[in-house]
């Protein structure tokens, strides 16, 4: 399946990355590495008690928050890749995942209304690892499922010739060659 729409590609990539992130989060929780799931921490922003954040409804609320930010992160990743290209995908994926994870963890820790912020190093390191894997998965899915036209942006400068022809340049050249060869 090749996706031509940046927004749809971003949502699908972000949701796929979030499934991986949630799996790592669950493993970390079950292995007693993390004190609480990322969903519980996210739900703590919206509810008034720690017990409510851990309840089934609190988990659904935290999951919606988590998947919403994952979708937003996926869309941002696709736009980032469309401007910078699909090369160095591991570096771009790891960096975008850690940056998003750092931002979200900081946000959840400093919000005064959060009833269940993770204050221990192990929980926060677990969140960072899960976000790193989110970033790697999200960028990989976006690079693999995205139509090449999404990543074919013209160079931002006019003074340096591109080192490789873009598909636009190849198509223009092909049309010119066809016009030159075909009789009128």
N, C-alpha and C. Protein backbone atom coordinates (compact mmCIF):
# COMPACT_ATOMS: atom_id res chain seq x y z
N UNK A 1 0.85 -1.17 0.00
CA UNK A 1 0.00 0.00 0.00
C UNK A 1 0.90 1.24 0.00
N UNK A 2 0.73 2.09 -0.97
CA UNK A 2 1.46 3.34 -1.06
C UNK A 2 0.48 4.48 -0.79
N UNK A 3 0.86 5.38 0.13
CA UNK A 3 -0.03 6.47 0.54
C UNK A 3 0.52 7.78 0.01
N UNK A 4 -0.35 8.55 -0.64
CA UNK A 4 0.07 9.81 -1.25
C UNK A 4 -0.27 11.03 -0.38
N UNK A 5 -1.13 10.88 0.60
CA UNK A 5 -1.55 11.99 1.44
C UNK A 5 -0.67 12.06 2.70
N UNK A 6 -0.03 13.20 2.92
CA UNK A 6 0.88 13.34 4.06
C UNK A 6 0.18 13.16 5.40
N UNK A 7 -1.01 13.72 5.53
CA UNK A 7 -1.73 13.64 6.81
C UNK A 7 -2.12 12.20 7.13
N UNK A 8 -2.71 11.52 6.17
CA UNK A 8 -3.13 10.13 6.38
C UNK A 8 -1.90 9.26 6.66
N UNK A 9 -0.84 9.47 5.91
CA UNK A 9 0.39 8.72 6.13
C UNK A 9 0.92 8.98 7.54
N UNK A 10 0.87 10.22 7.99
CA UNK A 10 1.33 10.56 9.33
C UNK A 10 0.52 9.90 10.42
N UNK A 11 -0.80 9.89 10.26
CA UNK A 11 -1.67 9.25 11.26
C UNK A 11 -1.37 7.75 11.32
N UNK A 12 -1.32 7.10 10.16
CA UNK A 12 -1.06 5.66 10.13
C UNK A 12 0.33 5.35 10.71
N UNK A 13 1.33 6.13 10.34
CA UNK A 13 2.68 5.92 10.86
C UNK A 13 2.73 6.13 12.36
N UNK A 14 2.11 7.20 12.83
CA UNK A 14 2.11 7.51 14.25
C UNK A 14 1.38 6.45 15.08
N UNK A 15 0.24 5.98 14.57
CA UNK A 15 -0.50 4.95 15.30
C UNK A 15 0.27 3.63 15.33
N UNK A 16 0.93 3.30 14.23
CA UNK A 16 1.75 2.08 14.20
C UNK A 16 2.91 2.20 15.20
N UNK A 17 3.57 3.34 15.20
CA UNK A 17 4.65 3.57 16.16
C UNK A 17 4.15 3.50 17.59
N UNK A 18 2.94 3.97 17.82
CA UNK A 18 2.39 3.96 19.18
C UNK A 18 2.09 2.55 19.67
N UNK A 19 1.72 1.66 18.77
CA UNK A 19 1.50 0.27 19.17
C UNK A 19 2.80 -0.32 19.71
N UNK A 20 3.90 -0.04 19.04
CA UNK A 20 5.21 -0.51 19.51
C UNK A 20 5.55 0.14 20.85
N UNK A 21 5.31 1.44 20.95
CA UNK A 21 5.59 2.17 22.19
C UNK A 21 4.79 1.61 23.35
N UNK A 22 3.53 1.32 23.11
CA UNK A 22 2.68 0.78 24.17
C UNK A 22 3.12 -0.62 24.58
N UNK A 23 3.58 -1.41 23.63
CA UNK A 23 4.06 -2.76 23.95
C UNK A 23 5.28 -2.69 24.86
N UNK A 24 6.23 -1.80 24.54
CA UNK A 24 7.42 -1.63 25.38
C UNK A 24 7.01 -1.09 26.75
N UNK A 25 6.07 -0.17 26.78
CA UNK A 25 5.57 0.39 28.04
C UNK A 25 4.95 -0.71 28.91
N UNK A 26 4.17 -1.60 28.31
CA UNK A 26 3.54 -2.70 29.05
C UNK A 26 4.59 -3.68 29.58
N UNK A 27 5.57 -4.00 28.77
CA UNK A 27 6.65 -4.91 29.21
C UNK A 27 7.40 -4.29 30.38
N UNK A 28 7.70 -3.01 30.27
CA UNK A 28 8.40 -2.31 31.33
C UNK A 28 7.59 -2.30 32.62
N UNK A 29 6.30 -2.14 32.50
CA UNK A 29 5.42 -2.13 33.66
C UNK A 29 5.36 -3.52 34.30
N UNK A 30 5.22 -4.54 33.50
CA UNK A 30 5.13 -5.92 34.02
C UNK A 30 6.45 -6.39 34.62
N UNK A 31 7.56 -5.89 34.12
CA UNK A 31 8.87 -6.25 34.65
C UNK A 31 9.25 -5.38 35.86
N UNK A 32 8.32 -4.52 36.27
CA UNK A 32 8.52 -3.62 37.42
C UNK A 32 9.66 -2.62 37.20
N UNK A 33 9.93 -2.30 35.94
CA UNK A 33 10.93 -1.28 35.63
C UNK A 33 10.30 0.09 35.79
N UNK A 34 9.09 0.22 35.34
CA UNK A 34 8.34 1.47 35.41
C UNK A 34 7.28 1.38 36.50
N UNK A 35 7.03 2.50 37.18
CA UNK A 35 6.02 2.53 38.25
C UNK A 35 4.60 2.52 37.71
N UNK A 36 4.41 3.15 36.55
CA UNK A 36 3.06 3.23 35.98
C UNK A 36 3.16 3.37 34.47
N UNK A 37 2.08 3.00 33.80
CA UNK A 37 2.06 3.08 32.34
C UNK A 37 2.01 4.55 31.90
N UNK A 38 2.41 4.77 30.67
CA UNK A 38 2.33 6.11 30.10
C UNK A 38 0.86 6.56 30.04
N UNK A 39 -0.04 5.61 29.79
CA UNK A 39 -1.49 5.94 29.76
C UNK A 39 -1.94 6.49 31.10
N UNK A 40 -1.50 5.86 32.19
CA UNK A 40 -1.90 6.32 33.52
C UNK A 40 -1.36 7.71 33.79
N UNK A 41 -0.12 7.94 33.42
CA UNK A 41 0.48 9.27 33.59
C UNK A 41 -0.29 10.31 32.78
N UNK A 42 -0.64 9.97 31.55
CA UNK A 42 -1.40 10.90 30.69
C UNK A 42 -2.79 11.15 31.27
N UNK A 43 -3.43 10.11 31.77
CA UNK A 43 -4.77 10.28 32.35
C UNK A 43 -4.71 11.16 33.59
N UNK A 44 -3.59 11.14 34.32
CA UNK A 44 -3.45 11.95 35.52
C UNK A 44 -3.60 13.44 35.28
N UNK A 45 -3.43 13.88 34.05
CA UNK A 45 -3.62 15.30 33.71
C UNK A 45 -5.09 15.67 33.77
N UNK A 46 -5.96 14.72 33.44
CA UNK A 46 -7.38 15.02 33.26
C UNK A 46 -8.26 14.67 34.45
N UNK A 47 -7.81 13.79 35.32
CA UNK A 47 -8.65 13.35 36.44
C UNK A 47 -8.11 13.90 37.75
N UNK A 48 -8.93 13.84 38.79
CA UNK A 48 -8.55 14.47 40.05
C UNK A 48 -7.87 13.53 41.04
N UNK A 49 -7.91 12.23 40.81
CA UNK A 49 -7.32 11.28 41.76
C UNK A 49 -6.47 10.25 41.03
N UNK A 50 -5.42 9.80 41.72
CA UNK A 50 -4.54 8.78 41.17
C UNK A 50 -5.31 7.49 40.89
N UNK A 51 -6.22 7.14 41.80
CA UNK A 51 -7.02 5.92 41.64
C UNK A 51 -7.88 5.98 40.37
N UNK A 52 -8.41 7.16 40.08
CA UNK A 52 -9.24 7.32 38.88
C UNK A 52 -8.41 7.20 37.60
N UNK A 53 -7.16 7.67 37.63
CA UNK A 53 -6.28 7.56 36.47
C UNK A 53 -5.96 6.10 36.17
N UNK A 54 -5.94 5.26 37.19
CA UNK A 54 -5.65 3.83 37.02
C UNK A 54 -6.89 3.00 36.71
N UNK A 55 -8.07 3.59 36.82
CA UNK A 55 -9.32 2.87 36.55
C UNK A 55 -9.45 2.56 35.06
N UNK A 56 -10.35 1.65 34.70
CA UNK A 56 -10.54 1.36 33.27
C UNK A 56 -10.89 2.60 32.44
N UNK A 57 -11.76 3.46 32.95
CA UNK A 57 -12.10 4.68 32.21
C UNK A 57 -10.91 5.63 32.12
N UNK A 58 -10.14 5.69 33.19
CA UNK A 58 -8.93 6.52 33.17
C UNK A 58 -7.93 6.00 32.15
N UNK A 59 -7.82 4.68 32.03
CA UNK A 59 -6.91 4.07 31.06
C UNK A 59 -7.36 4.38 29.63
N UNK A 60 -8.68 4.37 29.40
CA UNK A 60 -9.20 4.72 28.08
C UNK A 60 -8.88 6.19 27.78
N UNK A 61 -9.10 7.05 28.76
CA UNK A 61 -8.81 8.47 28.60
C UNK A 61 -7.32 8.70 28.31
N UNK A 62 -6.46 8.05 29.07
CA UNK A 62 -5.02 8.17 28.84
C UNK A 62 -4.61 7.60 27.49
N UNK A 63 -5.25 6.50 27.09
CA UNK A 63 -4.97 5.91 25.78
C UNK A 63 -5.35 6.83 24.64
N UNK A 64 -6.49 7.50 24.77
CA UNK A 64 -6.92 8.46 23.73
C UNK A 64 -5.92 9.61 23.63
N UNK A 65 -5.51 10.12 24.78
CA UNK A 65 -4.50 11.18 24.81
C UNK A 65 -3.21 10.70 24.14
N UNK A 66 -2.78 9.49 24.49
CA UNK A 66 -1.56 8.90 23.97
C UNK A 66 -1.63 8.71 22.46
N UNK A 67 -2.72 8.13 21.97
CA UNK A 67 -2.87 7.91 20.53
C UNK A 67 -3.03 9.24 19.77
N UNK A 68 -3.65 10.22 20.41
CA UNK A 68 -3.77 11.54 19.78
C UNK A 68 -2.41 12.18 19.55
N UNK A 69 -1.57 12.15 20.59
CA UNK A 69 -0.22 12.71 20.44
C UNK A 69 0.63 11.87 19.49
N UNK A 70 0.41 10.57 19.49
CA UNK A 70 1.15 9.71 18.56
C UNK A 70 0.79 10.06 17.11
N UNK A 71 -0.48 10.30 16.85
CA UNK A 71 -0.92 10.70 15.50
C UNK A 71 -0.31 12.03 15.12
N UNK A 72 -0.36 12.98 16.04
CA UNK A 72 0.22 14.30 15.79
C UNK A 72 1.72 14.18 15.52
N UNK A 73 2.40 13.36 16.31
CA UNK A 73 3.83 13.13 16.10
C UNK A 73 4.10 12.47 14.76
N UNK A 74 3.23 11.56 14.33
CA UNK A 74 3.38 10.92 13.03
C UNK A 74 3.24 11.91 11.89
N UNK A 75 2.26 12.81 11.99
CA UNK A 75 2.07 13.83 10.96
C UNK A 75 3.30 14.74 10.91
N UNK A 76 3.79 15.16 12.07
CA UNK A 76 4.99 16.01 12.10
C UNK A 76 6.19 15.27 11.50
N UNK A 77 6.30 13.99 11.77
CA UNK A 77 7.40 13.20 11.22
C UNK A 77 7.34 13.14 9.70
N UNK A 78 6.16 12.93 9.14
CA UNK A 78 6.01 12.87 7.69
C UNK A 78 6.38 14.21 7.06
N UNK A 79 5.93 15.31 7.65
CA UNK A 79 6.28 16.63 7.11
C UNK A 79 7.78 16.88 7.24
N UNK A 80 8.38 16.44 8.33
CA UNK A 80 9.83 16.55 8.53
C UNK A 80 10.57 15.76 7.45
N UNK A 81 10.14 14.52 7.22
CA UNK A 81 10.79 13.69 6.20
C UNK A 81 10.56 14.25 4.80
N UNK A 82 9.40 14.86 4.57
CA UNK A 82 9.14 15.41 3.23
C UNK A 82 10.04 16.61 2.95
N UNK A 83 10.55 17.25 3.99
CA UNK A 83 11.47 18.38 3.81
C UNK A 83 12.92 17.95 3.80
N UNK A 84 13.23 16.85 4.51
CA UNK A 84 14.64 16.47 4.66
C UNK A 84 15.00 15.19 3.91
N UNK A 85 14.01 14.44 3.43
CA UNK A 85 14.27 13.23 2.68
C UNK A 85 14.22 11.98 3.55
N UNK A 86 14.28 10.83 2.86
CA UNK A 86 14.17 9.55 3.55
C UNK A 86 15.52 8.91 3.86
N UNK A 87 16.60 9.63 3.66
CA UNK A 87 17.91 9.07 3.99
C UNK A 87 18.16 9.20 5.50
N UNK A 88 19.10 8.45 6.01
CA UNK A 88 19.47 8.47 7.43
C UNK A 88 18.26 8.25 8.34
N UNK A 89 17.43 7.30 7.96
CA UNK A 89 16.14 7.09 8.63
C UNK A 89 16.32 6.71 10.10
N UNK A 90 17.36 5.97 10.45
CA UNK A 90 17.57 5.57 11.84
C UNK A 90 17.89 6.79 12.72
N UNK A 91 18.74 7.66 12.24
CA UNK A 91 19.08 8.87 13.01
C UNK A 91 17.86 9.77 13.14
N UNK A 92 17.17 9.97 12.04
CA UNK A 92 15.98 10.84 12.07
C UNK A 92 14.89 10.25 12.96
N UNK A 93 14.71 8.93 12.88
CA UNK A 93 13.68 8.28 13.69
C UNK A 93 14.00 8.32 15.17
N UNK A 94 15.22 7.98 15.52
CA UNK A 94 15.61 7.98 16.93
C UNK A 94 15.52 9.39 17.50
N UNK A 95 16.00 10.36 16.75
CA UNK A 95 15.97 11.74 17.23
C UNK A 95 14.54 12.24 17.40
N UNK A 96 13.69 12.02 16.40
CA UNK A 96 12.32 12.51 16.51
C UNK A 96 11.58 11.82 17.65
N UNK A 97 11.82 10.54 17.87
CA UNK A 97 11.18 9.84 18.97
C UNK A 97 11.61 10.35 20.33
N UNK A 98 12.92 10.55 20.50
CA UNK A 98 13.43 11.05 21.78
C UNK A 98 12.98 12.49 22.02
N UNK A 99 12.98 13.31 20.98
CA UNK A 99 12.53 14.70 21.14
C UNK A 99 11.05 14.73 21.55
N UNK A 100 10.21 13.96 20.86
CA UNK A 100 8.79 13.92 21.22
C UNK A 100 8.61 13.37 22.63
N UNK A 101 9.32 12.30 22.96
CA UNK A 101 9.22 11.71 24.30
C UNK A 101 9.68 12.67 25.38
N UNK A 102 10.76 13.39 25.12
CA UNK A 102 11.26 14.38 26.09
C UNK A 102 10.24 15.48 26.30
N UNK A 103 9.68 15.96 25.20
CA UNK A 103 8.68 17.03 25.29
C UNK A 103 7.46 16.56 26.09
N UNK A 104 6.93 15.38 25.75
CA UNK A 104 5.74 14.89 26.44
C UNK A 104 6.01 14.57 27.90
N UNK A 105 7.14 13.95 28.20
CA UNK A 105 7.47 13.64 29.59
C UNK A 105 7.63 14.91 30.41
N UNK A 106 8.32 15.90 29.84
CA UNK A 106 8.47 17.18 30.54
C UNK A 106 7.11 17.84 30.76
N UNK A 107 6.29 17.81 29.72
CA UNK A 107 4.96 18.41 29.82
C UNK A 107 4.13 17.74 30.92
N UNK A 108 4.13 16.41 30.93
CA UNK A 108 3.35 15.68 31.92
C UNK A 108 3.91 15.84 33.33
N UNK A 109 5.19 16.09 33.46
CA UNK A 109 5.81 16.27 34.77
C UNK A 109 5.60 17.65 35.36
N UNK A 110 5.46 18.64 34.51
CA UNK A 110 5.35 20.02 35.03
C UNK A 110 3.92 20.53 35.13
N UNK A 111 2.97 19.83 34.56
CA UNK A 111 1.59 20.27 34.67
C UNK A 111 1.16 20.13 36.13
N UNK A 112 0.75 21.22 36.74
CA UNK A 112 0.42 21.16 38.16
C UNK A 112 -0.77 20.25 38.48
N UNK A 113 -1.65 20.03 37.54
CA UNK A 113 -2.84 19.21 37.78
C UNK A 113 -2.56 17.72 37.67
N UNK A 114 -1.38 17.32 37.21
CA UNK A 114 -1.11 15.90 37.03
C UNK A 114 -0.99 15.21 38.38
N UNK A 115 -1.88 14.26 38.63
CA UNK A 115 -1.92 13.55 39.90
C UNK A 115 -0.95 12.37 39.96
N UNK A 116 -0.44 11.95 38.81
CA UNK A 116 0.45 10.78 38.79
C UNK A 116 1.68 11.00 37.91
N UNK A 117 2.43 12.07 38.15
CA UNK A 117 3.63 12.27 37.33
C UNK A 117 4.70 11.25 37.69
N UNK A 118 5.44 10.76 36.71
CA UNK A 118 6.53 9.83 37.02
C UNK A 118 7.75 10.62 37.52
N UNK A 119 8.13 10.39 38.74
CA UNK A 119 9.27 11.14 39.29
C UNK A 119 10.53 10.28 39.40
N UNK A 120 10.42 8.98 39.17
CA UNK A 120 11.60 8.12 39.29
C UNK A 120 12.32 7.99 37.95
N UNK A 121 13.62 7.78 38.04
CA UNK A 121 14.45 7.70 36.83
C UNK A 121 14.08 6.50 35.97
N UNK A 122 13.79 5.35 36.58
CA UNK A 122 13.49 4.14 35.81
C UNK A 122 12.25 4.33 34.93
N UNK A 123 11.20 4.91 35.50
CA UNK A 123 9.99 5.14 34.70
C UNK A 123 10.27 6.08 33.55
N UNK A 124 10.97 7.17 33.81
CA UNK A 124 11.27 8.13 32.76
C UNK A 124 12.21 7.55 31.70
N UNK A 125 13.17 6.74 32.11
CA UNK A 125 14.04 6.08 31.12
C UNK A 125 13.24 5.08 30.28
N UNK A 126 12.32 4.40 30.90
CA UNK A 126 11.45 3.48 30.16
C UNK A 126 10.62 4.25 29.13
N UNK A 127 10.09 5.40 29.53
CA UNK A 127 9.32 6.23 28.60
C UNK A 127 10.21 6.67 27.43
N UNK A 128 11.46 7.03 27.72
CA UNK A 128 12.37 7.47 26.66
C UNK A 128 12.67 6.33 25.69
N UNK A 129 12.91 5.14 26.24
CA UNK A 129 13.17 3.99 25.36
C UNK A 129 11.95 3.70 24.49
N UNK A 130 10.77 3.72 25.09
CA UNK A 130 9.56 3.43 24.30
C UNK A 130 9.33 4.52 23.24
N UNK A 131 9.66 5.77 23.54
CA UNK A 131 9.52 6.84 22.55
C UNK A 131 10.59 6.75 21.46
N UNK A 132 11.78 6.30 21.83
CA UNK A 132 12.82 6.08 20.83
C UNK A 132 12.34 5.04 19.81
N UNK A 133 11.77 3.95 20.30
CA UNK A 133 11.25 2.90 19.40
C UNK A 133 10.03 3.39 18.63
N UNK A 134 9.23 4.25 19.25
CA UNK A 134 8.11 4.89 18.54
C UNK A 134 8.66 5.68 17.34
N UNK A 135 9.69 6.49 17.58
CA UNK A 135 10.26 7.30 16.50
C UNK A 135 10.84 6.46 15.38
N UNK A 136 11.57 5.40 15.74
CA UNK A 136 12.13 4.51 14.72
C UNK A 136 11.04 3.84 13.91
N UNK A 137 9.99 3.38 14.58
CA UNK A 137 8.89 2.70 13.88
C UNK A 137 8.13 3.69 13.00
N UNK A 138 7.81 4.85 13.56
CA UNK A 138 7.03 5.86 12.83
C UNK A 138 7.75 6.30 11.56
N UNK A 139 9.04 6.63 11.67
CA UNK A 139 9.76 7.08 10.48
C UNK A 139 9.95 5.95 9.47
N UNK A 140 10.16 4.74 9.96
CA UNK A 140 10.31 3.60 9.03
C UNK A 140 9.02 3.34 8.27
N UNK A 141 7.90 3.36 8.96
CA UNK A 141 6.60 3.15 8.29
C UNK A 141 6.33 4.27 7.30
N UNK A 142 6.61 5.51 7.71
CA UNK A 142 6.37 6.65 6.82
C UNK A 142 7.25 6.56 5.58
N UNK A 143 8.50 6.18 5.75
CA UNK A 143 9.41 6.08 4.60
C UNK A 143 9.01 4.93 3.68
N UNK A 144 8.54 3.84 4.26
CA UNK A 144 8.18 2.66 3.46
C UNK A 144 6.83 2.84 2.76
N UNK A 145 5.84 3.38 3.44
CA UNK A 145 4.49 3.48 2.88
C UNK A 145 4.24 4.76 2.08
N UNK A 146 5.12 5.75 2.25
CA UNK A 146 4.90 7.03 1.58
C UNK A 146 5.24 6.98 0.11
N UNK A 147 4.38 7.57 -0.70
CA UNK A 147 4.62 7.67 -2.14
C UNK A 147 5.85 8.56 -2.37
N UNK A 148 6.68 8.21 -3.35
CA UNK A 148 7.89 9.01 -3.60
C UNK A 148 7.62 10.49 -3.83
N UNK A 149 6.46 10.84 -4.37
CA UNK A 149 6.16 12.25 -4.62
C UNK A 149 6.10 13.07 -3.33
N UNK A 150 5.81 12.43 -2.21
CA UNK A 150 5.77 13.14 -0.94
C UNK A 150 7.17 13.66 -0.57
N UNK A 151 8.18 12.91 -0.98
CA UNK A 151 9.54 13.23 -0.58
C UNK A 151 10.33 13.94 -1.68
N UNK A 152 9.68 14.24 -2.78
CA UNK A 152 10.33 14.91 -3.92
C UNK A 152 10.14 16.41 -3.84
N UNK A 153 10.79 17.05 -2.91
CA UNK A 153 10.66 18.50 -2.81
C UNK A 153 11.83 19.15 -3.52
N UNK A 154 11.58 20.28 -4.15
CA UNK A 154 12.69 20.98 -4.81
C UNK A 154 13.67 21.52 -3.76
N UNK A 155 14.91 21.73 -4.15
CA UNK A 155 15.89 22.26 -3.20
C UNK A 155 15.48 23.65 -2.72
N UNK A 156 15.89 23.98 -1.50
CA UNK A 156 15.54 25.28 -0.93
C UNK A 156 16.45 26.40 -1.43
N UNK A 157 17.44 26.07 -2.22
CA UNK A 157 18.31 27.11 -2.74
C UNK A 157 18.33 27.04 -4.26
N UNK A 158 18.60 28.16 -4.86
CA UNK A 158 18.65 28.22 -6.32
C UNK A 158 20.08 28.36 -6.82
N UNK A 159 21.03 28.46 -5.95
CA UNK A 159 22.39 28.71 -6.38
C UNK A 159 23.24 27.45 -6.48
N UNK A 160 22.77 26.35 -5.92
CA UNK A 160 23.50 25.09 -6.05
C UNK A 160 22.65 24.11 -6.84
N UNK A 161 23.26 23.51 -7.82
CA UNK A 161 22.52 22.50 -8.60
C UNK A 161 22.37 21.24 -7.75
N UNK A 162 21.22 20.57 -7.83
CA UNK A 162 21.05 19.34 -7.06
C UNK A 162 22.04 18.28 -7.52
N UNK A 163 22.45 17.43 -6.61
CA UNK A 163 23.41 16.38 -6.96
C UNK A 163 22.71 15.22 -7.66
N UNK A 164 21.42 15.07 -7.46
CA UNK A 164 20.63 14.04 -8.14
C UNK A 164 19.38 14.69 -8.69
N UNK A 165 18.90 14.17 -9.81
CA UNK A 165 17.68 14.71 -10.38
C UNK A 165 16.47 14.27 -9.55
N UNK A 166 15.57 15.22 -9.34
CA UNK A 166 14.31 14.88 -8.68
C UNK A 166 13.39 14.28 -9.74
N UNK A 167 12.31 13.67 -9.31
CA UNK A 167 11.38 13.09 -10.27
C UNK A 167 10.76 14.19 -11.15
N UNK A 168 10.58 15.38 -10.59
CA UNK A 168 10.08 16.51 -11.39
C UNK A 168 11.04 16.81 -12.53
N UNK A 169 12.33 16.84 -12.24
CA UNK A 169 13.32 17.13 -13.27
C UNK A 169 13.34 16.03 -14.34
N UNK A 170 13.25 14.78 -13.89
CA UNK A 170 13.25 13.66 -14.84
C UNK A 170 12.01 13.71 -15.73
N UNK A 171 10.85 14.00 -15.13
CA UNK A 171 9.61 14.08 -15.91
C UNK A 171 9.66 15.22 -16.91
N UNK A 172 10.19 16.35 -16.51
CA UNK A 172 10.30 17.49 -17.41
C UNK A 172 11.23 17.17 -18.58
N UNK A 173 12.34 16.52 -18.26
CA UNK A 173 13.29 16.13 -19.30
C UNK A 173 12.66 15.11 -20.26
N UNK A 174 11.93 14.17 -19.71
CA UNK A 174 11.28 13.14 -20.52
C UNK A 174 10.25 13.78 -21.46
N UNK A 175 9.47 14.73 -20.96
CA UNK A 175 8.49 15.42 -21.80
C UNK A 175 9.17 16.20 -22.92
N UNK A 176 10.27 16.85 -22.58
CA UNK A 176 11.00 17.61 -23.60
C UNK A 176 11.55 16.68 -24.67
N UNK A 177 12.06 15.53 -24.27
CA UNK A 177 12.59 14.56 -25.22
C UNK A 177 11.47 14.01 -26.11
N UNK A 178 10.30 13.75 -25.50
CA UNK A 178 9.17 13.23 -26.29
C UNK A 178 8.70 14.27 -27.30
N UNK A 179 8.67 15.53 -26.91
CA UNK A 179 8.25 16.58 -27.83
C UNK A 179 9.26 16.73 -28.97
N UNK A 180 10.51 16.59 -28.67
CA UNK A 180 11.55 16.75 -29.66
C UNK A 180 11.53 15.61 -30.67
N UNK A 181 11.25 14.38 -30.21
CA UNK A 181 11.27 13.20 -31.06
C UNK A 181 9.97 13.08 -31.85
N UNK A 182 8.84 13.38 -31.26
CA UNK A 182 7.55 13.15 -31.94
C UNK A 182 7.32 14.19 -33.03
N UNK A 183 6.85 13.72 -34.19
CA UNK A 183 6.57 14.67 -35.29
C UNK A 183 5.26 15.42 -35.04
N UNK A 184 5.20 16.65 -35.49
CA UNK A 184 3.98 17.46 -35.29
C UNK A 184 3.14 17.44 -36.49
